[in-house]
């Protein structure tokens, strides 16, 4: 009987602990929305959001970036089980086979996950940071730096909240995906004839 009670308490506390950070963030954002709705009304807010989405390209770009970022966070943090030791595999998996010799695509998935993120990030910020003078080095550096810092935050959150494991290989492959995304963004801009490389 004592084991059953212990199991129930553990499962309930785990169920409350795992989504705590996301639930807090969602609640804060929802209350901002409620405050605005109380002042202006829901109809006005929804209409204004839709009008901004239709007419403002920067708003649309930021929406797509926020949407994809939320999907990454859901995949890497929010939809994870708790680990007893988040430092159990610090080096991570560097190839298509893990330490047990089993086929794994984790490295390729990490790489692929951050290519669109880097493209969306650069696309969303292009109006703010550059218009005509596209410099390959600056674009690549911005993509690599931002993806590295974002990935580092995810890895430390996994460590702190014990959701997944802290892995250096994830950090490297995520950052490499950001670099490829930066290269693809630059190539896309050149193909469209935007800016001049220097």
N, C-alpha and C. Protein backbone atom coordinates (compact mmCIF):
# COMPACT_ATOMS: atom_id res chain seq x y z
N UNK A 1 0.83 -1.20 0.00
CA UNK A 1 0.00 0.00 0.00
C UNK A 1 0.87 1.26 0.00
N UNK A 2 1.94 1.21 0.80
CA UNK A 2 2.85 2.35 0.89
C UNK A 2 3.51 2.64 -0.46
N UNK A 3 3.86 1.59 -1.22
CA UNK A 3 4.46 1.75 -2.55
C UNK A 3 3.49 2.40 -3.52
N UNK A 4 2.22 2.04 -3.42
CA UNK A 4 1.19 2.62 -4.30
C UNK A 4 1.04 4.10 -4.02
N UNK A 5 0.99 4.47 -2.75
CA UNK A 5 0.86 5.89 -2.37
C UNK A 5 2.09 6.66 -2.82
N UNK A 6 3.26 6.08 -2.60
CA UNK A 6 4.50 6.72 -3.03
C UNK A 6 4.52 6.93 -4.55
N UNK A 7 4.08 5.93 -5.29
CA UNK A 7 4.03 6.02 -6.76
C UNK A 7 3.06 7.10 -7.21
N UNK A 8 1.90 7.16 -6.58
CA UNK A 8 0.89 8.18 -6.94
C UNK A 8 1.43 9.58 -6.67
N UNK A 9 2.02 9.79 -5.50
CA UNK A 9 2.56 11.11 -5.15
C UNK A 9 3.67 11.50 -6.13
N UNK A 10 4.56 10.56 -6.44
CA UNK A 10 5.65 10.83 -7.37
C UNK A 10 5.12 11.20 -8.75
N UNK A 11 4.15 10.45 -9.24
CA UNK A 11 3.59 10.72 -10.57
C UNK A 11 2.85 12.06 -10.62
N UNK A 12 2.11 12.39 -9.57
CA UNK A 12 1.39 13.66 -9.53
C UNK A 12 2.37 14.83 -9.48
N UNK A 13 3.38 14.73 -8.62
CA UNK A 13 4.37 15.81 -8.53
C UNK A 13 5.17 15.97 -9.83
N UNK A 14 5.49 14.85 -10.47
CA UNK A 14 6.19 14.90 -11.76
C UNK A 14 5.31 15.56 -12.81
N UNK A 15 4.03 15.21 -12.83
CA UNK A 15 3.09 15.79 -13.80
C UNK A 15 2.95 17.29 -13.60
N UNK A 16 3.09 17.76 -12.37
CA UNK A 16 3.01 19.20 -12.10
C UNK A 16 4.34 19.89 -12.36
N UNK A 17 5.44 19.20 -12.09
CA UNK A 17 6.77 19.81 -12.22
C UNK A 17 7.19 19.97 -13.67
N UNK A 18 6.94 18.97 -14.50
CA UNK A 18 7.42 19.00 -15.88
C UNK A 18 6.89 20.20 -16.68
N UNK A 19 5.59 20.48 -16.67
CA UNK A 19 5.11 21.61 -17.48
C UNK A 19 5.12 22.95 -16.76
N UNK A 20 5.74 23.02 -15.58
CA UNK A 20 5.64 24.23 -14.76
C UNK A 20 6.12 25.48 -15.49
N UNK A 21 7.32 25.44 -16.07
CA UNK A 21 7.88 26.61 -16.74
C UNK A 21 7.04 27.05 -17.92
N UNK A 22 6.62 26.09 -18.74
CA UNK A 22 5.79 26.42 -19.90
C UNK A 22 4.44 26.98 -19.46
N UNK A 23 3.84 26.36 -18.44
CA UNK A 23 2.55 26.83 -17.94
C UNK A 23 2.64 28.25 -17.40
N UNK A 24 3.74 28.56 -16.70
CA UNK A 24 3.94 29.91 -16.18
C UNK A 24 4.07 30.92 -17.31
N UNK A 25 4.88 30.60 -18.31
CA UNK A 25 5.05 31.49 -19.46
C UNK A 25 3.73 31.69 -20.21
N UNK A 26 3.01 30.63 -20.44
CA UNK A 26 1.73 30.71 -21.13
C UNK A 26 0.72 31.54 -20.34
N UNK A 27 0.71 31.37 -19.02
CA UNK A 27 -0.21 32.13 -18.17
C UNK A 27 0.12 33.62 -18.21
N UNK A 28 1.40 33.97 -18.16
CA UNK A 28 1.81 35.38 -18.22
C UNK A 28 1.40 35.99 -19.55
N UNK A 29 1.67 35.29 -20.65
CA UNK A 29 1.30 35.81 -21.97
C UNK A 29 -0.22 35.93 -22.11
N UNK A 30 -0.94 34.96 -21.59
CA UNK A 30 -2.40 35.02 -21.65
C UNK A 30 -2.93 36.21 -20.85
N UNK A 31 -2.33 36.51 -19.71
CA UNK A 31 -2.78 37.64 -18.90
C UNK A 31 -2.48 38.97 -19.59
N UNK A 32 -1.37 39.06 -20.35
CA UNK A 32 -1.13 40.26 -21.17
C UNK A 32 -2.26 40.43 -22.18
N UNK A 33 -2.65 39.34 -22.80
CA UNK A 33 -3.74 39.36 -23.77
C UNK A 33 -5.04 39.77 -23.10
N UNK A 34 -5.30 39.23 -21.91
CA UNK A 34 -6.53 39.58 -21.18
C UNK A 34 -6.55 41.06 -20.78
N UNK A 35 -5.40 41.58 -20.35
CA UNK A 35 -5.34 43.00 -19.98
C UNK A 35 -5.65 43.87 -21.19
N UNK A 36 -5.09 43.51 -22.32
CA UNK A 36 -5.35 44.28 -23.54
C UNK A 36 -6.81 44.15 -23.97
N UNK A 37 -7.36 42.95 -23.84
CA UNK A 37 -8.76 42.73 -24.21
C UNK A 37 -9.71 43.49 -23.29
N UNK A 38 -9.37 43.56 -22.03
CA UNK A 38 -10.20 44.30 -21.08
C UNK A 38 -10.25 45.78 -21.46
N UNK A 39 -9.12 46.28 -21.95
CA UNK A 39 -9.03 47.70 -22.31
C UNK A 39 -9.69 47.99 -23.66
N UNK A 40 -9.49 47.11 -24.65
CA UNK A 40 -9.95 47.39 -26.01
C UNK A 40 -11.07 46.48 -26.50
N UNK A 41 -11.24 45.33 -25.90
CA UNK A 41 -12.24 44.36 -26.34
C UNK A 41 -11.61 43.29 -27.24
N UNK A 42 -12.15 42.07 -27.13
CA UNK A 42 -11.60 40.93 -27.87
C UNK A 42 -11.72 41.12 -29.37
N UNK A 43 -12.85 41.65 -29.81
CA UNK A 43 -13.07 41.83 -31.25
C UNK A 43 -12.02 42.74 -31.85
N UNK A 44 -11.76 43.83 -31.19
CA UNK A 44 -10.78 44.81 -31.67
C UNK A 44 -9.39 44.19 -31.73
N UNK A 45 -9.02 43.45 -30.70
CA UNK A 45 -7.69 42.83 -30.65
C UNK A 45 -7.53 41.80 -31.77
N UNK A 46 -8.53 40.94 -31.93
CA UNK A 46 -8.45 39.91 -32.99
C UNK A 46 -8.39 40.56 -34.37
N UNK A 47 -9.20 41.61 -34.59
CA UNK A 47 -9.18 42.29 -35.88
C UNK A 47 -7.84 42.96 -36.11
N UNK A 48 -7.32 43.59 -35.06
CA UNK A 48 -6.02 44.28 -35.20
C UNK A 48 -4.91 43.26 -35.49
N UNK A 49 -4.94 42.09 -34.82
CA UNK A 49 -3.93 41.07 -35.06
C UNK A 49 -4.01 40.62 -36.52
N UNK A 50 -5.19 40.34 -37.00
CA UNK A 50 -5.36 39.87 -38.38
C UNK A 50 -4.93 40.94 -39.39
N UNK A 51 -5.30 42.20 -39.11
CA UNK A 51 -4.88 43.28 -40.01
C UNK A 51 -3.36 43.41 -40.06
N UNK A 52 -2.72 43.29 -38.90
CA UNK A 52 -1.26 43.34 -38.86
C UNK A 52 -0.65 42.17 -39.61
N UNK A 53 -1.23 41.00 -39.45
CA UNK A 53 -0.71 39.82 -40.13
C UNK A 53 -0.82 39.97 -41.64
N UNK A 54 -1.92 40.54 -42.10
CA UNK A 54 -2.11 40.72 -43.55
C UNK A 54 -1.22 41.81 -44.12
N UNK A 55 -1.03 42.90 -43.39
CA UNK A 55 -0.39 44.07 -43.98
C UNK A 55 1.09 44.27 -43.61
N UNK A 56 1.52 43.73 -42.49
CA UNK A 56 2.88 44.01 -42.00
C UNK A 56 3.76 42.77 -42.17
N UNK A 57 4.71 42.85 -43.10
CA UNK A 57 5.56 41.68 -43.37
C UNK A 57 6.47 41.35 -42.20
N UNK A 58 6.91 42.35 -41.44
CA UNK A 58 7.75 42.10 -40.27
C UNK A 58 6.95 41.34 -39.21
N UNK A 59 5.70 41.72 -39.02
CA UNK A 59 4.82 41.02 -38.07
C UNK A 59 4.66 39.56 -38.48
N UNK A 60 4.43 39.32 -39.76
CA UNK A 60 4.28 37.94 -40.26
C UNK A 60 5.55 37.14 -40.03
N UNK A 61 6.69 37.75 -40.34
CA UNK A 61 7.96 37.06 -40.17
C UNK A 61 8.21 36.72 -38.69
N UNK A 62 7.91 37.66 -37.81
CA UNK A 62 8.09 37.41 -36.38
C UNK A 62 7.14 36.32 -35.89
N UNK A 63 5.92 36.29 -36.45
CA UNK A 63 4.98 35.24 -36.08
C UNK A 63 5.54 33.87 -36.47
N UNK A 64 6.04 33.73 -37.70
CA UNK A 64 6.57 32.45 -38.14
C UNK A 64 7.79 32.03 -37.32
N UNK A 65 8.64 33.01 -36.97
CA UNK A 65 9.80 32.72 -36.12
C UNK A 65 9.35 32.25 -34.74
N UNK A 66 8.38 32.94 -34.14
CA UNK A 66 7.87 32.57 -32.82
C UNK A 66 7.21 31.19 -32.87
N UNK A 67 6.46 30.93 -33.93
CA UNK A 67 5.80 29.63 -34.09
C UNK A 67 6.81 28.50 -34.18
N UNK A 68 7.84 28.67 -35.02
CA UNK A 68 8.84 27.61 -35.17
C UNK A 68 9.67 27.45 -33.90
N UNK A 69 9.97 28.56 -33.22
CA UNK A 69 10.71 28.50 -31.96
C UNK A 69 9.92 27.71 -30.92
N UNK A 70 8.61 27.95 -30.87
CA UNK A 70 7.76 27.21 -29.93
C UNK A 70 7.77 25.72 -30.25
N UNK A 71 7.78 25.38 -31.55
CA UNK A 71 7.84 23.97 -31.93
C UNK A 71 9.16 23.35 -31.49
N UNK A 72 10.26 24.08 -31.62
CA UNK A 72 11.56 23.57 -31.16
C UNK A 72 11.54 23.36 -29.65
N UNK A 73 11.01 24.33 -28.92
CA UNK A 73 10.95 24.20 -27.46
C UNK A 73 10.07 23.04 -27.05
N UNK A 74 8.99 22.82 -27.78
CA UNK A 74 8.12 21.69 -27.46
C UNK A 74 8.86 20.38 -27.68
N UNK A 75 9.63 20.31 -28.75
CA UNK A 75 10.37 19.09 -29.09
C UNK A 75 11.53 18.84 -28.13
N UNK A 76 12.21 19.91 -27.72
CA UNK A 76 13.42 19.74 -26.94
C UNK A 76 13.21 19.83 -25.42
N UNK A 77 12.16 20.50 -24.98
CA UNK A 77 11.96 20.69 -23.55
C UNK A 77 10.59 20.23 -23.05
N UNK A 78 9.55 20.70 -23.70
CA UNK A 78 8.22 20.55 -23.14
C UNK A 78 7.63 19.16 -23.28
N UNK A 79 8.05 18.43 -24.27
CA UNK A 79 7.50 17.09 -24.52
C UNK A 79 8.53 16.02 -24.15
N UNK A 80 9.14 16.18 -23.00
CA UNK A 80 10.20 15.28 -22.57
C UNK A 80 9.88 14.68 -21.22
N UNK A 81 10.35 13.48 -21.00
CA UNK A 81 10.24 12.85 -19.69
C UNK A 81 11.43 13.28 -18.83
N UNK A 82 11.23 13.20 -17.53
CA UNK A 82 12.31 13.56 -16.60
C UNK A 82 13.37 12.47 -16.59
N UNK A 83 14.62 12.89 -16.42
CA UNK A 83 15.75 11.96 -16.34
C UNK A 83 16.33 12.02 -14.94
N UNK A 84 16.74 10.88 -14.45
CA UNK A 84 17.35 10.85 -13.11
C UNK A 84 18.70 11.56 -13.13
N UNK A 85 19.46 11.38 -14.22
CA UNK A 85 20.79 12.01 -14.32
C UNK A 85 20.93 12.67 -15.69
N UNK A 86 20.65 13.98 -15.78
CA UNK A 86 20.75 14.67 -17.07
C UNK A 86 22.17 14.81 -17.60
N UNK A 87 23.16 14.40 -16.80
CA UNK A 87 24.56 14.44 -17.23
C UNK A 87 25.08 13.03 -17.56
N UNK A 88 24.17 12.11 -17.81
CA UNK A 88 24.57 10.71 -18.02
C UNK A 88 25.28 10.49 -19.35
N UNK A 89 25.10 11.40 -20.31
CA UNK A 89 25.73 11.23 -21.62
C UNK A 89 26.14 12.60 -22.17
N UNK A 90 27.08 13.24 -21.51
CA UNK A 90 27.46 14.62 -21.83
C UNK A 90 27.99 14.77 -23.26
N UNK A 91 28.77 13.82 -23.72
CA UNK A 91 29.34 13.94 -25.07
C UNK A 91 28.28 13.70 -26.14
N UNK A 92 27.27 12.90 -25.86
CA UNK A 92 26.19 12.68 -26.81
C UNK A 92 26.57 11.73 -27.92
N UNK A 93 25.75 11.75 -28.94
CA UNK A 93 25.94 10.85 -30.08
C UNK A 93 26.47 11.65 -31.27
N UNK A 94 27.60 11.20 -31.84
CA UNK A 94 28.27 11.96 -32.90
C UNK A 94 28.05 11.37 -34.28
N UNK A 95 27.49 10.21 -34.37
CA UNK A 95 27.30 9.57 -35.67
C UNK A 95 25.90 9.01 -35.79
N UNK A 96 25.73 8.10 -36.73
CA UNK A 96 24.41 7.50 -36.94
C UNK A 96 24.22 6.24 -36.10
N UNK A 97 25.25 5.88 -35.31
CA UNK A 97 25.12 4.75 -34.39
C UNK A 97 25.46 5.22 -32.98
N UNK A 98 24.67 4.80 -32.00
CA UNK A 98 24.96 5.19 -30.62
C UNK A 98 26.00 4.26 -30.01
N UNK A 99 26.28 4.45 -28.73
CA UNK A 99 27.33 3.66 -28.07
C UNK A 99 27.00 2.17 -27.98
N UNK A 100 25.71 1.83 -28.14
CA UNK A 100 25.30 0.42 -28.12
C UNK A 100 25.30 -0.20 -29.52
N UNK A 101 25.68 0.59 -30.53
CA UNK A 101 25.71 0.10 -31.90
C UNK A 101 24.36 0.15 -32.60
N UNK A 102 23.39 0.82 -31.98
CA UNK A 102 22.05 0.94 -32.57
C UNK A 102 21.98 2.15 -33.49
N UNK A 103 21.24 2.01 -34.57
CA UNK A 103 21.07 3.11 -35.51
C UNK A 103 20.27 4.24 -34.86
N UNK A 104 20.79 5.45 -34.98
CA UNK A 104 20.09 6.62 -34.44
C UNK A 104 20.26 7.78 -35.41
N UNK A 105 19.21 8.55 -35.56
CA UNK A 105 19.26 9.72 -36.46
C UNK A 105 19.26 11.03 -35.67
N UNK A 106 19.56 10.95 -34.39
CA UNK A 106 19.50 12.13 -33.52
C UNK A 106 20.39 13.27 -34.01
N UNK A 107 21.60 12.94 -34.45
CA UNK A 107 22.53 13.98 -34.92
C UNK A 107 21.98 14.69 -36.15
N UNK A 108 21.43 13.93 -37.09
CA UNK A 108 20.87 14.51 -38.31
C UNK A 108 19.62 15.33 -37.98
N UNK A 109 18.81 14.83 -37.04
CA UNK A 109 17.60 15.56 -36.63
C UNK A 109 17.97 16.90 -36.01
N UNK A 110 18.99 16.90 -35.13
CA UNK A 110 19.42 18.16 -34.50
C UNK A 110 19.91 19.16 -35.55
N UNK A 111 20.65 18.67 -36.50
CA UNK A 111 21.15 19.53 -37.58
C UNK A 111 19.96 20.10 -38.38
N UNK A 112 19.06 19.23 -38.79
CA UNK A 112 17.93 19.63 -39.64
C UNK A 112 16.96 20.55 -38.91
N UNK A 113 16.81 20.38 -37.62
CA UNK A 113 15.86 21.17 -36.84
C UNK A 113 16.21 22.66 -36.83
N UNK A 114 17.51 22.97 -36.87
CA UNK A 114 17.91 24.37 -36.72
C UNK A 114 18.21 25.07 -38.05
N UNK A 115 18.16 24.37 -39.15
CA UNK A 115 18.33 25.04 -40.45
C UNK A 115 17.17 26.00 -40.70
N UNK A 116 15.89 25.53 -40.61
CA UNK A 116 14.78 26.47 -40.81
C UNK A 116 14.75 27.57 -39.75
N UNK A 117 15.15 27.25 -38.52
CA UNK A 117 15.17 28.26 -37.47
C UNK A 117 16.08 29.42 -37.85
N UNK A 118 17.29 29.11 -38.32
CA UNK A 118 18.24 30.16 -38.71
C UNK A 118 17.71 30.97 -39.88
N UNK A 119 17.11 30.31 -40.86
CA UNK A 119 16.55 31.03 -42.01
C UNK A 119 15.44 31.96 -41.56
N UNK A 120 14.51 31.46 -40.73
CA UNK A 120 13.41 32.29 -40.23
C UNK A 120 13.92 33.44 -39.38
N UNK A 121 14.93 33.18 -38.57
CA UNK A 121 15.51 34.23 -37.73
C UNK A 121 16.09 35.35 -38.58
N UNK A 122 16.90 35.00 -39.55
CA UNK A 122 17.52 36.01 -40.41
C UNK A 122 16.48 36.74 -41.24
N UNK A 123 15.49 36.02 -41.72
CA UNK A 123 14.41 36.61 -42.51
C UNK A 123 13.60 37.60 -41.67
N UNK A 124 13.33 37.24 -40.40
CA UNK A 124 12.56 38.12 -39.52
C UNK A 124 13.33 39.38 -39.15
N UNK A 125 14.65 39.27 -39.05
CA UNK A 125 15.45 40.40 -38.59
C UNK A 125 16.09 41.22 -39.71
N UNK A 126 15.86 40.84 -40.96
CA UNK A 126 16.57 41.52 -42.05
C UNK A 126 16.23 43.00 -42.16
N UNK A 127 14.99 43.36 -41.87
CA UNK A 127 14.60 44.78 -41.95
C UNK A 127 15.31 45.61 -40.88
N UNK A 128 15.57 44.99 -39.73
CA UNK A 128 16.18 45.72 -38.63
C UNK A 128 17.68 45.86 -38.79
N UNK A 129 18.34 44.82 -39.28
CA UNK A 129 19.80 44.81 -39.26
C UNK A 129 20.47 45.12 -40.59
N UNK A 130 19.81 44.86 -41.70
CA UNK A 130 20.44 45.16 -42.99
C UNK A 130 19.36 45.32 -44.05
N UNK A 131 19.67 46.12 -45.05
CA UNK A 131 18.73 46.30 -46.16
C UNK A 131 19.44 45.95 -47.46
N UNK A 132 20.47 46.66 -47.79
CA UNK A 132 21.13 46.46 -49.08
C UNK A 132 22.48 45.76 -48.98
N UNK A 133 23.23 46.05 -47.94
CA UNK A 133 24.60 45.54 -47.85
C UNK A 133 24.65 44.20 -47.12
N UNK A 134 24.38 43.15 -47.83
CA UNK A 134 24.45 41.81 -47.25
C UNK A 134 25.89 41.34 -47.23
N UNK A 135 26.42 41.15 -46.05
CA UNK A 135 27.77 40.64 -45.92
C UNK A 135 27.69 39.20 -45.43
N UNK A 136 28.29 38.32 -46.19
CA UNK A 136 28.21 36.88 -45.88
C UNK A 136 28.70 36.59 -44.46
N UNK A 137 29.83 37.15 -44.09
CA UNK A 137 30.40 36.90 -42.77
C UNK A 137 29.49 37.35 -41.64
N UNK A 138 28.86 38.52 -41.81
CA UNK A 138 27.95 39.02 -40.78
C UNK A 138 26.72 38.14 -40.64
N UNK A 139 26.17 37.73 -41.77
CA UNK A 139 24.98 36.87 -41.74
C UNK A 139 25.31 35.53 -41.09
N UNK A 140 26.42 34.95 -41.50
CA UNK A 140 26.83 33.66 -40.96
C UNK A 140 27.09 33.77 -39.46
N UNK A 141 27.81 34.82 -39.06
CA UNK A 141 28.11 35.01 -37.63
C UNK A 141 26.84 35.19 -36.82
N UNK A 142 25.89 36.00 -37.31
CA UNK A 142 24.64 36.22 -36.58
C UNK A 142 23.87 34.92 -36.43
N UNK A 143 23.82 34.11 -37.50
CA UNK A 143 23.10 32.83 -37.44
C UNK A 143 23.77 31.88 -36.46
N UNK A 144 25.09 31.75 -36.56
CA UNK A 144 25.82 30.82 -35.69
C UNK A 144 25.72 31.25 -34.24
N UNK A 145 25.94 32.53 -33.98
CA UNK A 145 25.92 33.04 -32.60
C UNK A 145 24.55 32.85 -31.97
N UNK A 146 23.49 33.22 -32.69
CA UNK A 146 22.14 33.14 -32.12
C UNK A 146 21.72 31.69 -31.89
N UNK A 147 21.99 30.83 -32.87
CA UNK A 147 21.61 29.42 -32.71
C UNK A 147 22.41 28.78 -31.58
N UNK A 148 23.69 29.12 -31.48
CA UNK A 148 24.52 28.58 -30.39
C UNK A 148 23.94 28.98 -29.04
N UNK A 149 23.62 30.28 -28.87
CA UNK A 149 23.09 30.76 -27.58
C UNK A 149 21.72 30.16 -27.28
N UNK A 150 20.86 30.06 -28.29
CA UNK A 150 19.54 29.46 -28.12
C UNK A 150 19.69 27.98 -27.72
N UNK A 151 20.58 27.26 -28.39
CA UNK A 151 20.82 25.85 -28.08
C UNK A 151 21.41 25.68 -26.69
N UNK A 152 22.32 26.57 -26.32
CA UNK A 152 22.92 26.52 -24.99
C UNK A 152 21.85 26.70 -23.91
N UNK A 153 20.94 27.64 -24.15
CA UNK A 153 19.83 27.85 -23.20
C UNK A 153 18.97 26.59 -23.10
N UNK A 154 18.70 25.95 -24.23
CA UNK A 154 17.90 24.71 -24.22
C UNK A 154 18.63 23.62 -23.45
N UNK A 155 19.93 23.45 -23.70
CA UNK A 155 20.70 22.40 -23.03
C UNK A 155 20.74 22.64 -21.51
N UNK A 156 20.94 23.90 -21.09
CA UNK A 156 20.98 24.19 -19.66
C UNK A 156 19.59 24.04 -19.03
N UNK A 157 18.54 24.37 -19.79
CA UNK A 157 17.18 24.14 -19.29
C UNK A 157 16.91 22.65 -19.12
N UNK A 158 17.39 21.84 -20.07
CA UNK A 158 17.25 20.39 -19.93
C UNK A 158 17.98 19.90 -18.69
N UNK A 159 19.16 20.46 -18.44
CA UNK A 159 19.94 20.09 -17.27
C UNK A 159 19.23 20.53 -15.99
N UNK A 160 18.78 21.76 -15.95
CA UNK A 160 18.16 22.33 -14.75
C UNK A 160 16.84 21.64 -14.42
N UNK A 161 16.00 21.44 -15.44
CA UNK A 161 14.68 20.85 -15.22
C UNK A 161 14.69 19.32 -15.35
N UNK A 162 15.86 18.74 -15.67
CA UNK A 162 16.01 17.29 -15.85
C UNK A 162 15.09 16.75 -16.94
N UNK A 163 14.96 17.53 -18.00
CA UNK A 163 14.14 17.12 -19.14
C UNK A 163 15.08 16.80 -20.28
N UNK A 164 15.40 15.54 -20.46
CA UNK A 164 16.41 15.16 -21.45
C UNK A 164 17.78 15.21 -20.81
N UNK A 165 18.80 15.16 -21.65
CA UNK A 165 20.17 15.18 -21.14
C UNK A 165 20.96 16.32 -21.79
N UNK A 166 21.87 16.88 -21.02
CA UNK A 166 22.78 17.90 -21.53
C UNK A 166 23.81 17.20 -22.41
N UNK A 167 23.88 17.58 -23.70
CA UNK A 167 24.80 16.91 -24.62
C UNK A 167 25.54 17.94 -25.48
N UNK A 168 26.85 17.82 -25.49
CA UNK A 168 27.68 18.71 -26.30
C UNK A 168 27.43 18.47 -27.79
N UNK A 169 27.18 17.21 -28.17
CA UNK A 169 26.92 16.92 -29.59
C UNK A 169 25.67 17.65 -30.08
N UNK A 170 24.64 17.75 -29.23
CA UNK A 170 23.44 18.50 -29.62
C UNK A 170 23.79 19.96 -29.91
N UNK A 171 24.60 20.53 -29.03
CA UNK A 171 25.01 21.93 -29.19
C UNK A 171 25.77 22.13 -30.50
N UNK A 172 26.68 21.21 -30.80
CA UNK A 172 27.48 21.32 -32.03
C UNK A 172 26.60 21.15 -33.27
N UNK A 173 25.76 20.12 -33.29
CA UNK A 173 24.92 19.88 -34.47
C UNK A 173 23.86 20.97 -34.65
N UNK A 174 23.30 21.47 -33.55
CA UNK A 174 22.35 22.58 -33.66
C UNK A 174 23.02 23.81 -34.27
N UNK A 175 24.24 24.12 -33.78
CA UNK A 175 24.97 25.28 -34.29
C UNK A 175 25.36 25.09 -35.75
N UNK A 176 25.75 23.88 -36.11
CA UNK A 176 26.06 23.59 -37.52
C UNK A 176 24.81 23.77 -38.39
N UNK A 177 23.66 23.36 -37.87
CA UNK A 177 22.40 23.60 -38.59
C UNK A 177 22.14 25.09 -38.77
N UNK A 178 22.47 25.89 -37.74
CA UNK A 178 22.34 27.34 -37.85
C UNK A 178 23.25 27.92 -38.92
N UNK A 179 24.48 27.39 -38.99
CA UNK A 179 25.43 27.85 -40.02
C UNK A 179 24.91 27.52 -41.42
N UNK A 180 24.39 26.31 -41.60
CA UNK A 180 23.83 25.93 -42.90
C UNK A 180 22.63 26.81 -43.24
N UNK A 181 21.80 27.09 -42.23
CA UNK A 181 20.66 27.99 -42.44
C UNK A 181 21.11 29.38 -42.87
N UNK A 182 22.19 29.88 -42.25
CA UNK A 182 22.73 31.19 -42.63
C UNK A 182 23.23 31.19 -44.07
N UNK A 183 23.90 30.11 -44.47
CA UNK A 183 24.40 30.00 -45.85
C UNK A 183 23.22 29.96 -46.83
N UNK A 184 22.19 29.17 -46.49
CA UNK A 184 21.01 29.07 -47.36
C UNK A 184 20.28 30.40 -47.47
N UNK A 185 20.18 31.12 -46.34
CA UNK A 185 19.53 32.43 -46.37
C UNK A 185 20.30 33.39 -47.29
N UNK A 186 21.63 33.42 -47.13
CA UNK A 186 22.45 34.29 -47.95
C UNK A 186 22.30 33.92 -49.43
N UNK A 187 22.34 32.62 -49.73
CA UNK A 187 22.19 32.17 -51.11
C UNK A 187 20.83 32.56 -51.67
N UNK A 188 19.79 32.42 -50.84
CA UNK A 188 18.45 32.83 -51.28
C UNK A 188 18.36 34.30 -51.60
N UNK A 189 19.00 35.11 -50.76
CA UNK A 189 19.01 36.56 -51.01
C UNK A 189 19.76 36.89 -52.29
N UNK A 190 20.86 36.20 -52.55
CA UNK A 190 21.63 36.45 -53.77
C UNK A 190 20.82 36.05 -55.01
N UNK A 191 20.13 34.92 -54.90
CA UNK A 191 19.31 34.45 -56.03
C UNK A 191 18.18 35.44 -56.31
N UNK A 192 17.59 35.97 -55.25
CA UNK A 192 16.51 36.96 -55.43
C UNK A 192 17.06 38.31 -55.82
N UNK A 193 18.37 38.49 -55.77
CA UNK A 193 18.98 39.75 -56.16
C UNK A 193 18.94 40.83 -55.11
N UNK A 194 18.80 40.43 -53.83
CA UNK A 194 18.75 41.40 -52.75
C UNK A 194 20.16 41.65 -52.25
N UNK A 195 20.54 42.86 -52.17
CA UNK A 195 21.81 43.24 -51.55
C UNK A 195 23.01 42.90 -52.39
N UNK A 196 24.14 43.32 -51.91
CA UNK A 196 25.41 43.08 -52.57
C UNK A 196 26.35 42.47 -51.57
N UNK A 197 27.00 41.41 -51.97
CA UNK A 197 27.96 40.79 -51.06
C UNK A 197 29.23 41.61 -51.01
N UNK A 198 29.88 41.54 -49.88
CA UNK A 198 31.15 42.25 -49.71
C UNK A 198 32.14 41.37 -49.03
